[in-house]
Amino acid sequence: MKNKKIAEEKKVNKITNAKHNKQFWLQIMIPLIGFILFVALGWIIFGITNVGNISSWSSLSIIFLSVFILLVCLLTLIVLIFATIGLSKLLNLLPEKTFIAQKWLQMINNKVKIFSDKIASPLITSKSWFLTLNIRNIHNKDGEKNE
């Protein structure tokens, strides 16, 4: 019984290992080898044609950097397009729900205002009494008569 389970696990592991090896070669090694061959081919072409001066290498570097920046900009543009399309579809579904949510938030806002006013009113009245007492004391110090 135990040997059968181990044998079944080894079959699963062989299948997943084979799939992993296939993905490793297709997704990692072949593009890496292709890029290395592309760079080597570029070096060979520039070496044969005697175009290996600094200005040509700087132009080539600018082209590669520009391609990378263009790919990043293209990716950003695609994300923005999908976000715009998604938001437009979402806005078609949400007007009723947003109205209900807005009413709930207004109710919560009103309750918070009432509660905060109840908390703050004793402090405000006490500060106003202290200010009126302080003003009377200031007038008394200036020599005015207390009424």
Protein backbone atom coordinates (compact mmCIF):
# COMPACT_ATOMS: atom_id res chain seq x y z
CA MET A 1 0.00 0.00 0.00
CA LYS A 2 2.74 2.41 0.97
CA ASN A 3 4.82 1.49 -2.07
CA LYS A 4 1.88 2.25 -4.38
CA LYS A 5 1.54 5.76 -2.92
CA ILE A 6 5.25 6.39 -3.35
CA ALA A 7 5.10 5.08 -6.91
CA GLU A 8 2.11 7.37 -7.67
CA GLU A 9 3.96 10.35 -6.19
CA LYS A 10 6.99 9.56 -8.35
CA LYS A 11 4.74 9.47 -11.44
CA VAL A 12 3.33 12.88 -10.53
CA ASN A 13 6.81 14.18 -9.89
CA LYS A 14 8.06 12.84 -13.24
CA ILE A 15 5.19 14.53 -15.04
CA THR A 16 5.70 17.85 -13.28
CA ASN A 17 9.46 17.63 -13.70
CA ALA A 18 9.06 17.02 -17.43
CA LYS A 19 6.69 19.99 -17.70
CA HIS A 20 9.07 22.14 -15.67
CA ASN A 21 12.04 21.18 -17.87
CA LYS A 22 10.05 22.00 -21.00
CA GLN A 23 9.03 25.39 -19.61
CA PHE A 24 12.61 26.04 -18.45
CA TRP A 25 13.96 25.52 -21.94
CA LEU A 26 11.15 27.33 -23.75
CA GLN A 27 10.79 30.31 -21.43
CA ILE A 28 14.31 30.83 -20.10
CA MET A 29 17.12 29.15 -22.00
CA ILE A 30 16.00 29.62 -25.63
CA PRO A 31 15.36 33.39 -25.24
CA LEU A 32 18.63 33.78 -23.32
CA ILE A 33 20.62 31.88 -25.96
CA GLY A 34 18.82 33.83 -28.71
CA PHE A 35 19.74 37.16 -27.11
CA ILE A 36 23.37 36.10 -26.68
CA LEU A 37 23.50 35.00 -30.34
CA PHE A 38 21.90 38.30 -31.40
CA VAL A 39 24.52 40.32 -29.51
CA ALA A 40 27.34 38.13 -30.85
CA LEU A 41 25.98 38.52 -34.38
CA GLY A 42 25.91 42.30 -33.90
CA TRP A 43 29.54 42.27 -32.76
CA ILE A 44 30.53 40.16 -35.75
CA ILE A 45 28.68 42.40 -38.21
CA PHE A 46 30.21 45.54 -36.71
CA GLY A 47 33.64 43.91 -36.72
CA ILE A 48 33.47 42.86 -40.36
CA THR A 49 32.08 46.12 -41.67
CA ASN A 50 34.61 48.21 -39.74
CA VAL A 51 31.88 50.29 -38.15
CA GLY A 52 33.20 49.76 -34.66
CA ASN A 53 33.88 53.38 -33.78
CA ILE A 54 32.40 55.09 -30.74
CA SER A 55 29.70 57.03 -32.55
CA SER A 56 28.16 53.92 -34.10
CA TRP A 57 28.14 52.10 -30.74
CA SER A 58 26.56 55.12 -29.08
CA SER A 59 23.90 55.24 -31.79
CA LEU A 60 23.22 51.54 -31.31
CA SER A 61 22.98 52.02 -27.54
CA ILE A 62 20.54 54.89 -27.97
CA ILE A 63 18.41 52.72 -30.27
CA PHE A 64 18.30 49.88 -27.73
CA LEU A 65 17.47 52.29 -24.89
CA SER A 66 14.78 53.91 -27.02
CA VAL A 67 13.25 50.52 -27.81
CA PHE A 68 13.12 49.70 -24.09
CA ILE A 69 11.53 53.06 -23.27
CA LEU A 70 9.03 52.62 -26.10
CA LEU A 71 8.08 49.18 -24.77
CA VAL A 72 7.52 50.63 -21.29
CA CYS A 73 5.41 53.44 -22.78
CA LEU A 74 3.43 50.92 -24.84
CA LEU A 75 2.79 48.80 -21.75
CA THR A 76 1.66 51.89 -19.84
CA LEU A 77 -0.63 52.87 -22.73
CA ILE A 78 -2.18 49.39 -22.81
CA VAL A 79 -2.78 49.48 -19.05
CA LEU A 80 -4.41 52.92 -19.34
CA ILE A 81 -6.61 51.78 -22.23
CA PHE A 82 -7.81 48.73 -20.29
CA ALA A 83 -8.37 50.86 -17.18
CA THR A 84 -10.42 53.36 -19.20
CA ILE A 85 -12.52 50.63 -20.80
CA GLY A 86 -13.00 48.91 -17.45
CA LEU A 87 -14.04 52.13 -15.72
CA SER A 88 -16.51 52.97 -18.47
CA LYS A 89 -18.13 49.55 -18.13
CA LEU A 90 -18.09 49.87 -14.36
CA LEU A 91 -19.73 53.28 -14.46
CA ASN A 92 -22.59 51.85 -16.49
CA LEU A 93 -23.28 49.37 -13.67
CA LEU A 94 -22.67 51.58 -10.66
CA PRO A 95 -24.96 54.65 -10.69
CA GLU A 96 -27.65 53.01 -8.56
CA LYS A 97 -25.16 51.48 -6.18
CA THR A 98 -23.18 54.69 -5.81
CA PHE A 99 -26.36 56.62 -5.02
CA ILE A 100 -27.21 54.17 -2.23
CA ALA A 101 -23.64 54.28 -0.92
CA GLN A 102 -23.67 58.08 -1.01
CA LYS A 103 -26.87 58.18 1.06
CA TRP A 104 -25.34 55.82 3.64
CA LEU A 105 -22.17 57.91 3.83
CA GLN A 106 -24.22 61.08 4.30
CA MET A 107 -26.10 59.44 7.17
CA ILE A 108 -22.81 58.37 8.78
CA ASN A 109 -21.38 61.86 8.24
CA ASN A 110 -24.38 63.48 9.95
CA LYS A 111 -24.12 61.12 12.93
CA VAL A 112 -20.40 61.80 13.27
CA LYS A 113 -21.04 65.56 13.17
CA ILE A 114 -23.71 65.30 15.88
CA PHE A 115 -21.47 63.14 18.07
CA SER A 116 -18.44 65.39 17.61
CA ASP A 117 -20.54 68.47 18.41
CA LYS A 118 -21.73 66.81 21.63
CA ILE A 119 -18.12 66.07 22.59
CA ALA A 120 -16.79 69.51 21.64
CA SER A 121 -19.56 71.69 23.10
CA PRO A 122 -18.42 71.46 26.77
CA LEU A 123 -14.89 72.35 25.76
CA ILE A 124 -16.04 75.29 23.68
CA THR A 125 -18.28 76.67 26.44
CA SER A 126 -15.57 76.26 29.09
CA LYS A 127 -13.03 78.05 26.91
CA SER A 128 -15.49 80.86 26.27
CA TRP A 129 -16.07 81.28 30.04
CA PHE A 130 -12.33 81.31 30.67
CA LEU A 131 -11.85 83.91 27.96
CA THR A 132 -14.55 86.15 29.40
CA LEU A 133 -13.01 85.89 32.87
CA ASN A 134 -9.57 86.56 31.45
CA ILE A 135 -10.81 89.67 29.60
CA ARG A 136 -12.38 91.03 32.80
CA ASN A 137 -9.10 90.49 34.65
CA ILE A 138 -7.18 92.29 31.92
CA HIS A 139 -9.55 95.27 32.12
CA ASN A 140 -9.18 95.34 35.90
CA LYS A 141 -5.40 95.45 35.61
CA ASP A 142 -5.57 98.40 33.19
CA GLY A 143 -7.31 100.47 35.80
CA GLU A 144 -10.84 100.40 34.46
CA LYS A 145 -13.71 100.00 36.81
CA ASN A 146 -15.40 96.66 37.04
CA GLU A 147 -19.13 96.90 36.31
